[in-house]
Amino acid sequence: MIHYTVSWLVRIIIAALCRIDAGDLRGLPMRGPCILVTNHINFLEVPLLYTRLMPRRVAALVKVETWNNPLLGFLGNLWNGIPIARGTIDRKAINAAKEALAEGRILVIAPEGTRSGDGVLKRGQPGIVLFAANSGIPIYPLAHYGGEMFWKNLRSFRRTGFKVKLGKPFVVSSNGTRLGREQRNVIADEIMLKIAELLPEKLKGYYAGLTGKEYQYIQTI
């Protein structure tokens, strides 16, 4: 009851502050495990996307520092956040994420590893490969934009337009090759390119001019 009440209250508040175009989320499966990879702009997309994904069962990797804030820590626990220590191989978080997938949840990962603030895409981190490569689990790229204008619009008493675009699912295969550091970076970049393809040119950032290339490790399904 607490989960339902808080989630719907948050959804109503965000809907009052934003003009949300998130119809693409209907393209995600209602059941079964999948990985949702997305860009990370600011705080806004977490409650917005989570409450729009309901009633799907969701878990997400969230920086451990989030729990230093009592309110954010409460929401992290309520919404099945998995605390992860960035910059390390956090085995506890990895195992928890794998358990979430085994339970048939959508696992949400932001490969950038940090907020961009301005919506311009940063380079993805190779940690995503731990979950993506050779798992056979469908991966859906998701891009959102508009949220970078939230604070400016709020100060001007304007609603923020928030656009969500969902790409076609794919899997990642190593093609039988050993995944060293270089290969992991290539896979992370290919995953990020799938997100970049969904963004306006001005927000592609690190991946501007690279979209449309042939993929070495990604296979669309």
N, C-alpha and C. Protein backbone atom coordinates (compact mmCIF):
# COMPACT_ATOMS: atom_id res chain seq x y z
N MET A 1 0.82 -1.21 0.00
CA MET A 1 0.00 0.00 0.00
C MET A 1 0.87 1.27 0.00
N ILE A 2 1.97 1.25 0.78
CA ILE A 2 2.87 2.40 0.80
C ILE A 2 3.49 2.61 -0.57
N HIS A 3 3.93 1.50 -1.20
CA HIS A 3 4.52 1.58 -2.53
C HIS A 3 3.53 2.17 -3.52
N TYR A 4 2.33 1.68 -3.51
CA TYR A 4 1.31 2.14 -4.45
C TYR A 4 0.99 3.62 -4.23
N THR A 5 0.77 4.01 -2.99
CA THR A 5 0.37 5.38 -2.67
C THR A 5 1.47 6.38 -3.03
N VAL A 6 2.70 6.10 -2.58
CA VAL A 6 3.81 7.02 -2.85
C VAL A 6 4.08 7.12 -4.35
N SER A 7 4.08 5.98 -5.03
CA SER A 7 4.39 5.97 -6.46
C SER A 7 3.38 6.76 -7.26
N TRP A 8 2.11 6.60 -6.96
CA TRP A 8 1.09 7.33 -7.70
C TRP A 8 1.08 8.81 -7.35
N LEU A 9 1.40 9.14 -6.10
CA LEU A 9 1.51 10.55 -5.72
C LEU A 9 2.65 11.22 -6.48
N VAL A 10 3.81 10.53 -6.58
CA VAL A 10 4.94 11.06 -7.33
C VAL A 10 4.57 11.21 -8.80
N ARG A 11 3.88 10.23 -9.34
CA ARG A 11 3.48 10.29 -10.75
C ARG A 11 2.58 11.51 -11.01
N ILE A 12 1.65 11.76 -10.13
CA ILE A 12 0.73 12.89 -10.28
C ILE A 12 1.48 14.22 -10.21
N ILE A 13 2.42 14.33 -9.28
CA ILE A 13 3.18 15.58 -9.12
C ILE A 13 4.01 15.84 -10.38
N ILE A 14 4.70 14.79 -10.89
CA ILE A 14 5.53 14.97 -12.07
C ILE A 14 4.68 15.31 -13.29
N ALA A 15 3.52 14.68 -13.39
CA ALA A 15 2.63 14.98 -14.52
C ALA A 15 2.15 16.43 -14.49
N ALA A 16 2.05 17.00 -13.29
CA ALA A 16 1.64 18.40 -13.18
C ALA A 16 2.77 19.34 -13.60
N LEU A 17 4.02 18.88 -13.44
CA LEU A 17 5.17 19.72 -13.75
C LEU A 17 5.71 19.51 -15.16
N CYS A 18 5.35 18.37 -15.79
CA CYS A 18 5.93 18.03 -17.08
C CYS A 18 4.87 17.61 -18.09
N ARG A 19 5.13 17.91 -19.36
CA ARG A 19 4.34 17.38 -20.46
C ARG A 19 5.08 16.14 -20.97
N ILE A 20 4.55 14.98 -20.66
CA ILE A 20 5.29 13.73 -20.83
C ILE A 20 4.82 12.98 -22.07
N ASP A 21 5.77 12.66 -22.94
CA ASP A 21 5.51 11.82 -24.10
C ASP A 21 6.30 10.52 -23.91
N ALA A 22 5.66 9.53 -23.31
CA ALA A 22 6.33 8.28 -22.97
C ALA A 22 5.60 7.07 -23.51
N GLY A 23 4.86 7.26 -24.59
CA GLY A 23 4.10 6.14 -25.16
C GLY A 23 4.97 4.98 -25.60
N ASP A 24 6.24 5.25 -25.93
CA ASP A 24 7.13 4.18 -26.37
C ASP A 24 7.32 3.10 -25.32
N LEU A 25 7.10 3.45 -24.05
CA LEU A 25 7.30 2.46 -22.99
C LEU A 25 6.37 1.27 -23.13
N ARG A 26 5.31 1.44 -23.90
CA ARG A 26 4.40 0.31 -24.14
C ARG A 26 5.08 -0.79 -24.95
N GLY A 27 6.22 -0.47 -25.56
CA GLY A 27 6.96 -1.47 -26.33
C GLY A 27 7.77 -2.43 -25.49
N LEU A 28 7.87 -2.16 -24.19
CA LEU A 28 8.59 -3.07 -23.31
C LEU A 28 7.69 -4.24 -22.92
N PRO A 29 8.27 -5.43 -22.76
CA PRO A 29 7.45 -6.60 -22.38
C PRO A 29 6.90 -6.43 -20.96
N MET A 30 5.73 -6.97 -20.72
CA MET A 30 5.13 -6.92 -19.39
C MET A 30 5.75 -7.93 -18.45
N ARG A 31 6.28 -9.02 -19.02
CA ARG A 31 6.86 -10.08 -18.19
C ARG A 31 8.18 -10.53 -18.77
N GLY A 32 8.96 -11.18 -17.93
CA GLY A 32 10.23 -11.72 -18.38
C GLY A 32 11.36 -10.74 -18.19
N PRO A 33 12.58 -11.23 -18.01
CA PRO A 33 13.71 -10.34 -17.75
C PRO A 33 14.15 -9.59 -19.00
N CYS A 34 14.58 -8.37 -18.79
CA CYS A 34 15.24 -7.59 -19.84
C CYS A 34 16.07 -6.51 -19.18
N ILE A 35 16.98 -5.95 -19.94
CA ILE A 35 17.81 -4.86 -19.45
C ILE A 35 17.44 -3.60 -20.21
N LEU A 36 17.23 -2.52 -19.48
CA LEU A 36 16.90 -1.24 -20.07
C LEU A 36 18.10 -0.32 -19.86
N VAL A 37 18.76 0.08 -20.96
CA VAL A 37 19.91 0.98 -20.86
C VAL A 37 19.49 2.37 -21.28
N THR A 38 19.85 3.36 -20.50
CA THR A 38 19.34 4.70 -20.73
C THR A 38 20.38 5.76 -20.41
N ASN A 39 20.18 6.95 -20.96
CA ASN A 39 21.02 8.08 -20.59
C ASN A 39 20.58 8.63 -19.24
N HIS A 40 21.47 9.41 -18.62
CA HIS A 40 21.21 9.90 -17.26
C HIS A 40 21.48 11.40 -17.22
N ILE A 41 20.41 12.18 -17.09
CA ILE A 41 20.55 13.64 -17.11
C ILE A 41 20.54 14.23 -15.71
N ASN A 42 19.48 13.94 -14.94
CA ASN A 42 19.37 14.47 -13.58
C ASN A 42 18.42 13.59 -12.77
N PHE A 43 17.96 14.11 -11.66
CA PHE A 43 17.10 13.32 -10.77
C PHE A 43 15.75 12.97 -11.39
N LEU A 44 15.30 13.76 -12.35
CA LEU A 44 13.91 13.71 -12.80
C LEU A 44 13.53 12.39 -13.43
N GLU A 45 14.45 11.81 -14.27
CA GLU A 45 14.03 10.63 -15.02
C GLU A 45 13.79 9.40 -14.15
N VAL A 46 14.41 9.35 -12.98
CA VAL A 46 14.25 8.15 -12.14
C VAL A 46 12.81 7.99 -11.68
N PRO A 47 12.23 8.97 -10.96
CA PRO A 47 10.82 8.81 -10.56
C PRO A 47 9.87 8.82 -11.75
N LEU A 48 10.20 9.60 -12.78
CA LEU A 48 9.29 9.68 -13.93
C LEU A 48 9.21 8.32 -14.64
N LEU A 49 10.37 7.75 -14.94
CA LEU A 49 10.36 6.47 -15.65
C LEU A 49 9.81 5.35 -14.78
N TYR A 50 10.21 5.31 -13.52
CA TYR A 50 9.74 4.23 -12.66
C TYR A 50 8.22 4.22 -12.56
N THR A 51 7.63 5.38 -12.29
CA THR A 51 6.17 5.41 -12.12
C THR A 51 5.43 5.19 -13.43
N ARG A 52 6.11 5.44 -14.57
CA ARG A 52 5.49 5.16 -15.86
C ARG A 52 5.67 3.70 -16.27
N LEU A 53 6.64 3.01 -15.68
CA LEU A 53 6.84 1.59 -15.98
C LEU A 53 5.91 0.68 -15.17
N MET A 54 5.33 1.21 -14.12
CA MET A 54 4.39 0.40 -13.34
C MET A 54 3.26 -0.10 -14.24
N PRO A 55 2.76 -1.34 -14.07
CA PRO A 55 3.04 -2.25 -12.97
C PRO A 55 4.17 -3.25 -13.24
N ARG A 56 5.00 -2.99 -14.25
CA ARG A 56 6.11 -3.89 -14.49
C ARG A 56 7.01 -3.93 -13.26
N ARG A 57 7.65 -5.07 -13.06
CA ARG A 57 8.58 -5.24 -11.93
C ARG A 57 9.95 -4.74 -12.36
N VAL A 58 10.45 -3.76 -11.63
CA VAL A 58 11.66 -3.03 -12.04
C VAL A 58 12.69 -3.06 -10.91
N ALA A 59 13.95 -3.10 -11.29
CA ALA A 59 15.07 -2.87 -10.36
C ALA A 59 16.07 -2.00 -11.11
N ALA A 60 16.87 -1.25 -10.37
CA ALA A 60 17.83 -0.35 -11.02
C ALA A 60 19.10 -0.26 -10.20
N LEU A 61 20.22 -0.14 -10.91
CA LEU A 61 21.49 0.13 -10.25
C LEU A 61 21.57 1.61 -9.92
N VAL A 62 21.83 1.92 -8.65
CA VAL A 62 21.81 3.30 -8.16
C VAL A 62 23.08 3.53 -7.32
N LYS A 63 23.72 4.67 -7.52
CA LYS A 63 24.94 4.95 -6.77
C LYS A 63 24.67 4.87 -5.27
N VAL A 64 25.62 4.30 -4.54
CA VAL A 64 25.42 4.04 -3.11
C VAL A 64 25.25 5.34 -2.33
N GLU A 65 25.80 6.45 -2.84
CA GLU A 65 25.69 7.73 -2.14
C GLU A 65 24.25 8.21 -2.03
N THR A 66 23.36 7.67 -2.86
CA THR A 66 21.95 8.05 -2.81
C THR A 66 21.37 7.84 -1.42
N TRP A 67 21.82 6.80 -0.74
CA TRP A 67 21.27 6.46 0.58
C TRP A 67 21.78 7.38 1.68
N ASN A 68 22.67 8.33 1.34
CA ASN A 68 23.08 9.34 2.31
C ASN A 68 21.98 10.36 2.54
N ASN A 69 21.05 10.45 1.58
CA ASN A 69 19.90 11.34 1.69
C ASN A 69 18.70 10.52 2.16
N PRO A 70 18.13 10.81 3.31
CA PRO A 70 17.03 9.99 3.84
C PRO A 70 15.85 9.82 2.89
N LEU A 71 15.45 10.91 2.23
CA LEU A 71 14.30 10.82 1.32
C LEU A 71 14.64 9.97 0.11
N LEU A 72 15.80 10.23 -0.51
CA LEU A 72 16.20 9.46 -1.68
C LEU A 72 16.46 8.01 -1.31
N GLY A 73 17.01 7.78 -0.13
CA GLY A 73 17.23 6.41 0.33
C GLY A 73 15.92 5.67 0.52
N PHE A 74 14.91 6.37 1.04
CA PHE A 74 13.58 5.77 1.20
C PHE A 74 13.01 5.36 -0.15
N LEU A 75 13.12 6.26 -1.14
CA LEU A 75 12.61 5.95 -2.48
C LEU A 75 13.44 4.84 -3.13
N GLY A 76 14.76 4.84 -2.88
CA GLY A 76 15.61 3.78 -3.42
C GLY A 76 15.19 2.41 -2.92
N ASN A 77 14.87 2.32 -1.64
CA ASN A 77 14.41 1.05 -1.08
C ASN A 77 13.01 0.69 -1.59
N LEU A 78 12.15 1.70 -1.66
CA LEU A 78 10.77 1.47 -2.09
C LEU A 78 10.71 0.98 -3.53
N TRP A 79 11.62 1.52 -4.37
CA TRP A 79 11.59 1.23 -5.80
C TRP A 79 12.67 0.23 -6.23
N ASN A 80 13.11 -0.60 -5.31
CA ASN A 80 14.03 -1.70 -5.63
C ASN A 80 15.35 -1.23 -6.22
N GLY A 81 15.87 -0.13 -5.68
CA GLY A 81 17.19 0.32 -6.09
C GLY A 81 18.27 -0.61 -5.56
N ILE A 82 19.27 -0.88 -6.38
CA ILE A 82 20.40 -1.72 -5.98
C ILE A 82 21.60 -0.81 -5.79
N PRO A 83 22.06 -0.59 -4.55
CA PRO A 83 23.20 0.31 -4.34
C PRO A 83 24.47 -0.26 -4.94
N ILE A 84 25.19 0.57 -5.68
CA ILE A 84 26.44 0.13 -6.29
C ILE A 84 27.52 1.18 -6.05
N ALA A 85 28.69 0.70 -5.65
CA ALA A 85 29.84 1.58 -5.45
C ALA A 85 30.52 1.80 -6.80
N ARG A 86 30.45 3.02 -7.28
CA ARG A 86 31.01 3.33 -8.60
C ARG A 86 32.53 3.29 -8.56
N GLY A 87 33.11 2.89 -9.69
CA GLY A 87 34.56 2.84 -9.80
C GLY A 87 35.19 1.59 -9.22
N THR A 88 34.35 0.64 -8.79
CA THR A 88 34.85 -0.62 -8.24
C THR A 88 34.08 -1.78 -8.88
N ILE A 89 34.58 -2.99 -8.67
CA ILE A 89 33.82 -4.18 -9.06
C ILE A 89 33.01 -4.59 -7.83
N ASP A 90 31.78 -4.13 -7.78
CA ASP A 90 30.92 -4.34 -6.61
C ASP A 90 30.18 -5.66 -6.78
N ARG A 91 30.76 -6.71 -6.23
CA ARG A 91 30.20 -8.06 -6.41
C ARG A 91 28.80 -8.18 -5.79
N LYS A 92 28.58 -7.51 -4.67
CA LYS A 92 27.26 -7.57 -4.03
C LYS A 92 26.20 -6.99 -4.95
N ALA A 93 26.51 -5.85 -5.57
CA ALA A 93 25.55 -5.23 -6.49
C ALA A 93 25.37 -6.07 -7.74
N ILE A 94 26.44 -6.64 -8.24
CA ILE A 94 26.36 -7.49 -9.43
C ILE A 94 25.46 -8.68 -9.17
N ASN A 95 25.65 -9.34 -8.02
CA ASN A 95 24.83 -10.51 -7.69
C ASN A 95 23.36 -10.13 -7.49
N ALA A 96 23.13 -8.97 -6.86
CA ALA A 96 21.74 -8.51 -6.66
C ALA A 96 21.07 -8.22 -8.00
N ALA A 97 21.82 -7.64 -8.93
CA ALA A 97 21.26 -7.35 -10.25
C ALA A 97 20.93 -8.63 -10.99
N LYS A 98 21.81 -9.61 -10.90
CA LYS A 98 21.55 -10.89 -11.55
C LYS A 98 20.35 -11.60 -10.94
N GLU A 99 20.18 -11.45 -9.63
CA GLU A 99 18.99 -12.02 -8.97
C GLU A 99 17.72 -11.34 -9.46
N ALA A 100 17.79 -10.03 -9.64
CA ALA A 100 16.62 -9.29 -10.14
C ALA A 100 16.22 -9.79 -11.53
N LEU A 101 17.21 -10.03 -12.38
CA LEU A 101 16.92 -10.57 -13.71
C LEU A 101 16.35 -11.98 -13.62
N ALA A 102 16.88 -12.78 -12.71
CA ALA A 102 16.38 -14.15 -12.53
C ALA A 102 14.93 -14.15 -12.05
N GLU A 103 14.53 -13.07 -11.37
CA GLU A 103 13.15 -12.93 -10.91
C GLU A 103 12.23 -12.41 -12.01
N GLY A 104 12.81 -12.12 -13.18
CA GLY A 104 12.00 -11.63 -14.29
C GLY A 104 11.78 -10.13 -14.29
N ARG A 105 12.62 -9.38 -13.61
CA ARG A 105 12.47 -7.93 -13.54
C ARG A 105 13.12 -7.23 -14.73
N ILE A 106 12.73 -5.99 -14.94
CA ILE A 106 13.45 -5.09 -15.84
C ILE A 106 14.59 -4.49 -15.03
N LEU A 107 15.82 -4.67 -15.48
CA LEU A 107 16.97 -4.09 -14.81
C LEU A 107 17.36 -2.82 -15.56
N VAL A 108 17.30 -1.68 -14.89
CA VAL A 108 17.61 -0.39 -15.51
C VAL A 108 19.05 -0.01 -15.18
N ILE A 109 19.82 0.30 -16.22
CA ILE A 109 21.22 0.69 -16.05
C ILE A 109 21.49 1.95 -16.86
N ALA A 110 22.20 2.89 -16.27
CA ALA A 110 22.66 4.09 -16.97
C ALA A 110 24.17 3.94 -17.18
N PRO A 111 24.60 3.49 -18.35
CA PRO A 111 26.03 3.19 -18.56
C PRO A 111 26.96 4.38 -18.41
N GLU A 112 26.44 5.61 -18.50
CA GLU A 112 27.31 6.77 -18.31
C GLU A 112 27.89 6.80 -16.90
N GLY A 113 27.14 6.26 -15.93
CA GLY A 113 27.63 6.17 -14.56
C GLY A 113 27.49 7.44 -13.75
N THR A 114 27.08 8.53 -14.37
CA THR A 114 26.90 9.79 -13.68
C THR A 114 25.94 10.67 -14.48
N ARG A 115 25.43 11.71 -13.85
CA ARG A 115 24.52 12.63 -14.53
C ARG A 115 25.27 13.53 -15.49
N SER A 116 24.66 13.79 -16.63
CA SER A 116 25.25 14.74 -17.56
C SER A 116 24.86 16.17 -17.20
N GLY A 117 23.67 16.35 -16.64
CA GLY A 117 23.19 17.68 -16.28
C GLY A 117 22.60 18.44 -17.45
N ASP A 118 23.36 18.50 -18.55
CA ASP A 118 22.90 19.26 -19.71
C ASP A 118 22.28 18.38 -20.80
N GLY A 119 22.21 17.07 -20.55
CA GLY A 119 21.59 16.18 -21.52
C GLY A 119 22.51 15.71 -22.63
N VAL A 120 23.74 16.21 -22.67
CA VAL A 120 24.70 15.81 -23.71
C VAL A 120 25.37 14.51 -23.29
N LEU A 121 25.31 13.52 -24.16
CA LEU A 121 25.72 12.16 -23.82
C LEU A 121 27.21 12.07 -23.51
N LYS A 122 27.53 11.42 -22.38
CA LYS A 122 28.91 11.14 -22.01
C LYS A 122 29.28 9.73 -22.48
N ARG A 123 30.58 9.42 -22.44
CA ARG A 123 31.01 8.09 -22.83
C ARG A 123 30.56 7.06 -21.80
N GLY A 124 30.09 5.90 -22.28
CA GLY A 124 29.64 4.84 -21.40
C GLY A 124 30.79 4.12 -20.73
N GLN A 125 30.52 3.59 -19.53
CA GLN A 125 31.51 2.84 -18.78
C GLN A 125 31.37 1.34 -19.08
N PRO A 126 32.49 0.60 -19.08
CA PRO A 126 32.45 -0.81 -19.50
C PRO A 126 31.80 -1.76 -18.50
N GLY A 127 31.40 -1.27 -17.31
CA GLY A 127 30.76 -2.15 -16.34
C GLY A 127 29.48 -2.79 -16.86
N ILE A 128 28.82 -2.13 -17.81
CA ILE A 128 27.59 -2.68 -18.39
C ILE A 128 27.82 -4.05 -19.00
N VAL A 129 29.05 -4.32 -19.43
CA VAL A 129 29.36 -5.58 -20.11
C VAL A 129 29.16 -6.77 -19.18
N LEU A 130 29.32 -6.57 -17.87
CA LEU A 130 29.15 -7.64 -16.90
C LEU A 130 27.75 -8.23 -16.97
N PHE A 131 26.77 -7.42 -17.34
CA PHE A 131 25.38 -7.88 -17.40
C PHE A 131 24.93 -8.20 -18.82
N ALA A 132 25.55 -7.55 -19.78
CA ALA A 132 25.03 -7.61 -21.15
C ALA A 132 25.62 -8.73 -21.99
N ALA A 133 26.91 -8.99 -21.88
CA ALA A 133 27.58 -9.89 -22.82
C ALA A 133 27.23 -11.34 -22.57
N ASN A 134 26.83 -12.01 -23.63
CA ASN A 134 26.61 -13.47 -23.64
C ASN A 134 25.51 -13.93 -22.68
N SER A 135 24.66 -13.04 -22.21
CA SER A 135 23.60 -13.43 -21.29
C SER A 135 22.37 -13.93 -22.03
N GLY A 136 22.20 -13.49 -23.29
CA GLY A 136 21.00 -13.84 -24.04
C GLY A 136 19.79 -13.03 -23.63
N ILE A 137 19.95 -12.15 -22.65
CA ILE A 137 18.83 -11.35 -22.17
C ILE A 137 18.62 -10.15 -23.09
N PRO A 138 17.41 -9.90 -23.53
CA PRO A 138 17.16 -8.75 -24.41
C PRO A 138 17.53 -7.44 -23.74
N ILE A 139 18.15 -6.56 -24.50
CA ILE A 139 18.53 -5.24 -24.01
C ILE A 139 17.79 -4.20 -24.85
N TYR A 140 17.10 -3.29 -24.17
CA TYR A 140 16.36 -2.24 -24.85
C TYR A 140 17.06 -0.90 -24.62
N PRO A 141 17.42 -0.18 -25.70
CA PRO A 141 17.96 1.16 -25.51
C PRO A 141 16.83 2.17 -25.34
N LEU A 142 17.00 3.07 -24.40
CA LEU A 142 16.00 4.10 -24.15
C LEU A 142 16.72 5.44 -24.05
N ALA A 143 16.19 6.43 -24.73
CA ALA A 143 16.74 7.79 -24.64
C ALA A 143 15.62 8.74 -24.23
N HIS A 144 15.95 9.68 -23.40
CA HIS A 144 14.98 10.70 -23.00
C HIS A 144 15.66 12.06 -23.04
N TYR A 145 14.89 13.07 -23.28
CA TYR A 145 15.43 14.42 -23.31
C TYR A 145 14.33 15.43 -22.99
N GLY A 146 14.75 16.59 -22.64
CA GLY A 146 13.82 17.62 -22.17
C GLY A 146 14.01 17.91 -20.70
N GLY A 147 14.36 16.87 -19.94
CA GLY A 147 14.54 17.03 -18.50
C GLY A 147 15.67 17.96 -18.13
N GLU A 148 16.61 18.17 -19.08
CA GLU A 148 17.71 19.08 -18.81
C GLU A 148 17.24 20.53 -18.64
N MET A 149 16.00 20.80 -19.06
CA MET A 149 15.45 22.16 -18.95
C MET A 149 14.55 22.31 -17.72
N PHE A 150 14.48 21.30 -16.88
CA PHE A 150 13.50 21.29 -15.80
C PHE A 150 13.65 22.47 -14.85
N TRP A 151 14.86 22.68 -14.33
CA TRP A 151 15.02 23.74 -13.33
C TRP A 151 14.80 25.11 -13.93
N LYS A 152 15.26 25.33 -15.13
CA LYS A 152 15.05 26.62 -15.79
C LYS A 152 13.56 26.86 -16.01
N ASN A 153 12.85 25.84 -16.46
CA ASN A 153 11.41 25.98 -16.68
C ASN A 153 10.66 26.20 -15.37
N LEU A 154 11.10 25.51 -14.32
CA LEU A 154 10.43 25.63 -13.03
C LEU A 154 10.54 27.06 -12.50
N ARG A 155 11.72 27.66 -12.67
CA ARG A 155 11.90 29.05 -12.22
C ARG A 155 11.03 30.02 -13.02
N SER A 156 10.69 29.62 -14.25
CA SER A 156 9.85 30.48 -15.10
C SER A 156 8.39 30.05 -15.06
N PHE A 157 8.07 29.11 -14.17
CA PHE A 157 6.69 28.61 -14.01
C PHE A 157 6.16 28.01 -15.31
N ARG A 158 7.04 27.29 -16.02
CA ARG A 158 6.64 26.59 -17.24
C ARG A 158 6.77 25.09 -17.04
N ARG A 159 5.87 24.36 -17.67
CA ARG A 159 5.98 22.91 -17.64
C ARG A 159 7.09 22.46 -18.57
N THR A 160 7.73 21.36 -18.22
CA THR A 160 8.86 20.84 -19.00
C THR A 160 8.39 19.73 -19.92
N GLY A 161 8.72 19.83 -21.20
CA GLY A 161 8.45 18.75 -22.13
C GLY A 161 9.47 17.63 -21.93
N PHE A 162 9.00 16.43 -21.76
CA PHE A 162 9.87 15.28 -21.50
C PHE A 162 9.54 14.18 -22.51
N LYS A 163 10.49 13.89 -23.38
CA LYS A 163 10.30 12.92 -24.46
C LYS A 163 11.06 11.63 -24.17
N VAL A 164 10.38 10.50 -24.35
CA VAL A 164 10.99 9.18 -24.17
C VAL A 164 10.93 8.42 -25.50
N LYS A 165 12.07 7.87 -25.93
CA LYS A 165 12.12 7.08 -27.15
C LYS A 165 12.76 5.73 -26.83
N LEU A 166 12.12 4.68 -27.30
CA LEU A 166 12.58 3.31 -27.06
C LEU A 166 13.04 2.69 -28.37
N GLY A 167 14.24 2.11 -28.36
CA GLY A 167 14.77 1.47 -29.56
C GLY A 167 14.45 -0.01 -29.61
N LYS A 168 14.87 -0.65 -30.70
CA LYS A 168 14.65 -2.08 -30.87
C LYS A 168 15.57 -2.88 -29.96
N PRO A 169 15.09 -4.02 -29.44
CA PRO A 169 15.93 -4.82 -28.54
C PRO A 169 17.09 -5.49 -29.28
N PHE A 170 18.13 -5.77 -28.53
CA PHE A 170 19.30 -6.44 -29.08
C PHE A 170 19.94 -7.31 -28.00
N VAL A 171 20.83 -8.18 -28.40
CA VAL A 171 21.65 -8.94 -27.47
C VAL A 171 23.11 -8.65 -27.79
N VAL A 172 23.97 -8.94 -26.82
CA VAL A 172 25.40 -8.74 -26.99
C VAL A 172 26.09 -10.09 -26.95
N SER A 173 26.89 -10.38 -27.98
CA SER A 173 27.63 -11.64 -28.05
C SER A 173 29.11 -11.34 -28.28
N SER A 174 29.95 -12.06 -27.56
CA SER A 174 31.40 -11.88 -27.73
C SER A 174 31.92 -12.61 -28.95
N ASN A 175 31.06 -13.37 -29.62
CA ASN A 175 31.45 -14.14 -30.81
C ASN A 175 32.62 -15.08 -30.53
N GLY A 176 32.65 -15.56 -29.29
CA GLY A 176 33.68 -16.53 -28.92
C GLY A 176 35.03 -15.94 -28.60
N THR A 177 35.17 -14.61 -28.64
CA THR A 177 36.45 -13.98 -28.36
C THR A 177 36.54 -13.60 -26.88
N ARG A 178 37.76 -13.53 -26.38
CA ARG A 178 37.99 -13.14 -24.99
C ARG A 178 37.75 -11.64 -24.85
N LEU A 179 37.04 -11.27 -23.79
CA LEU A 179 36.70 -9.87 -23.60
C LEU A 179 37.71 -9.21 -22.66
N GLY A 180 38.75 -8.63 -23.25
CA GLY A 180 39.69 -7.83 -22.49
C GLY A 180 39.18 -6.42 -22.34
N ARG A 181 40.02 -5.55 -21.78
CA ARG A 181 39.61 -4.16 -21.55
C ARG A 181 39.17 -3.47 -22.84
N GLU A 182 39.94 -3.67 -23.92
CA GLU A 182 39.62 -3.01 -25.18
C GLU A 182 38.27 -3.47 -25.72
N GLN A 183 38.02 -4.79 -25.66
CA GLN A 183 36.76 -5.33 -26.16
C GLN A 183 35.59 -4.83 -25.31
N ARG A 184 35.77 -4.76 -24.00
CA ARG A 184 34.69 -4.26 -23.13
C ARG A 184 34.35 -2.81 -23.43
N ASN A 185 35.37 -2.02 -23.71
CA ASN A 185 35.12 -0.62 -24.07
C ASN A 185 34.37 -0.51 -25.39
N VAL A 186 34.72 -1.38 -26.35
CA VAL A 186 34.02 -1.38 -27.64
C VAL A 186 32.55 -1.73 -27.44
N ILE A 187 32.28 -2.75 -26.63
CA ILE A 187 30.88 -3.15 -26.38
C ILE A 187 30.12 -2.02 -25.70
N ALA A 188 30.73 -1.39 -24.70
CA ALA A 188 30.06 -0.28 -24.01
C ALA A 188 29.74 0.84 -24.99
N ASP A 189 30.68 1.13 -25.89
CA ASP A 189 30.44 2.18 -26.89
C ASP A 189 29.32 1.79 -27.84
N GLU A 190 29.26 0.52 -28.23
CA GLU A 190 28.20 0.09 -29.14
C GLU A 190 26.83 0.19 -28.47
N ILE A 191 26.77 -0.13 -27.18
CA ILE A 191 25.51 0.01 -26.44
C ILE A 191 25.11 1.47 -26.36
N MET A 192 26.08 2.33 -26.08
CA MET A 192 25.79 3.76 -26.00
C MET A 192 25.37 4.32 -27.36
N LEU A 193 25.92 3.78 -28.43
CA LEU A 193 25.52 4.23 -29.76
C LEU A 193 24.05 3.95 -30.02
N LYS A 194 23.56 2.84 -29.47
CA LYS A 194 22.14 2.52 -29.63
C LYS A 194 21.26 3.57 -28.93
N ILE A 195 21.76 4.09 -27.81
CA ILE A 195 21.04 5.18 -27.14
C ILE A 195 21.17 6.46 -27.95
N ALA A 196 22.39 6.73 -28.43
CA ALA A 196 22.65 7.97 -29.19
C ALA A 196 21.78 8.06 -30.44
N GLU A 197 21.50 6.92 -31.07
CA GLU A 197 20.68 6.92 -32.28
C GLU A 197 19.28 7.49 -32.03
N LEU A 198 18.85 7.47 -30.78
CA LEU A 198 17.50 7.92 -30.43
C LEU A 198 17.45 9.39 -30.01
N LEU A 199 18.62 10.01 -29.90
CA LEU A 199 18.69 11.39 -29.42
C LEU A 199 18.81 12.39 -30.56
N PRO A 200 18.38 13.63 -30.34
CA PRO A 200 18.66 14.69 -31.31
C PRO A 200 20.18 14.86 -31.46
N GLU A 201 20.60 15.32 -32.63
CA GLU A 201 22.03 15.41 -32.92
C GLU A 201 22.79 16.22 -31.86
N LYS A 202 22.20 17.30 -31.39
CA LYS A 202 22.89 18.19 -30.45
C LYS A 202 23.14 17.53 -29.09
N LEU A 203 22.46 16.41 -28.81
CA LEU A 203 22.63 15.74 -27.52
C LEU A 203 23.44 14.45 -27.60
N LYS A 204 23.91 14.09 -28.79
CA LYS A 204 24.65 12.83 -28.95
C LYS A 204 26.02 12.87 -28.27
N GLY A 205 26.54 14.07 -28.05
CA GLY A 205 27.75 14.24 -27.27
C GLY A 205 28.94 13.45 -27.78
N TYR A 206 29.50 12.60 -26.93
CA TYR A 206 30.69 11.80 -27.28
C TYR A 206 30.46 10.99 -28.55
N TYR A 207 29.20 10.64 -28.82
CA TYR A 207 28.89 9.75 -29.94
C TYR A 207 28.37 10.49 -31.17
N ALA A 208 28.50 11.79 -31.17
CA ALA A 208 28.08 12.58 -32.34
C ALA A 208 28.88 12.17 -33.56
N GLY A 209 28.18 11.93 -34.66
CA GLY A 209 28.84 11.56 -35.91
C GLY A 209 29.22 10.10 -36.01
N LEU A 210 28.93 9.31 -34.95
CA LEU A 210 29.32 7.89 -34.96
C LEU A 210 28.14 6.95 -35.16
N THR A 211 26.92 7.47 -35.08
CA THR A 211 25.76 6.61 -35.22
C THR A 211 25.64 6.10 -36.65
N GLY A 212 25.00 4.93 -36.79
CA GLY A 212 24.82 4.34 -38.10
C GLY A 212 25.95 3.41 -38.51
N LYS A 213 26.94 3.21 -37.65
CA LYS A 213 28.06 2.33 -37.95
C LYS A 213 27.63 0.87 -37.88
N GLU A 214 28.46 -0.02 -38.38
CA GLU A 214 28.21 -1.45 -38.24
C GLU A 214 28.68 -1.89 -36.84
N TYR A 215 27.90 -2.79 -36.26
CA TYR A 215 28.20 -3.23 -34.91
C TYR A 215 28.94 -4.57 -34.92
N GLN A 216 29.93 -4.67 -34.07
CA GLN A 216 30.74 -5.87 -34.00
C GLN A 216 30.17 -6.89 -33.04
N TYR A 217 29.57 -6.42 -31.94
CA TYR A 217 29.13 -7.33 -30.88
C TYR A 217 27.61 -7.32 -30.67
N ILE A 218 26.91 -6.38 -31.26
CA ILE A 218 25.46 -6.25 -31.02
C ILE A 218 24.68 -6.89 -32.16
N GLN A 219 23.65 -7.65 -31.78
CA GLN A 219 22.77 -8.29 -32.75
C GLN A 219 21.32 -7.90 -32.42
N THR A 220 20.65 -7.22 -33.34
CA THR A 220 19.26 -6.85 -33.14
C THR A 220 18.39 -8.10 -33.17
N ILE A 221 17.38 -8.15 -32.31
CA ILE A 221 16.49 -9.32 -32.26
C ILE A 221 15.04 -8.88 -32.53
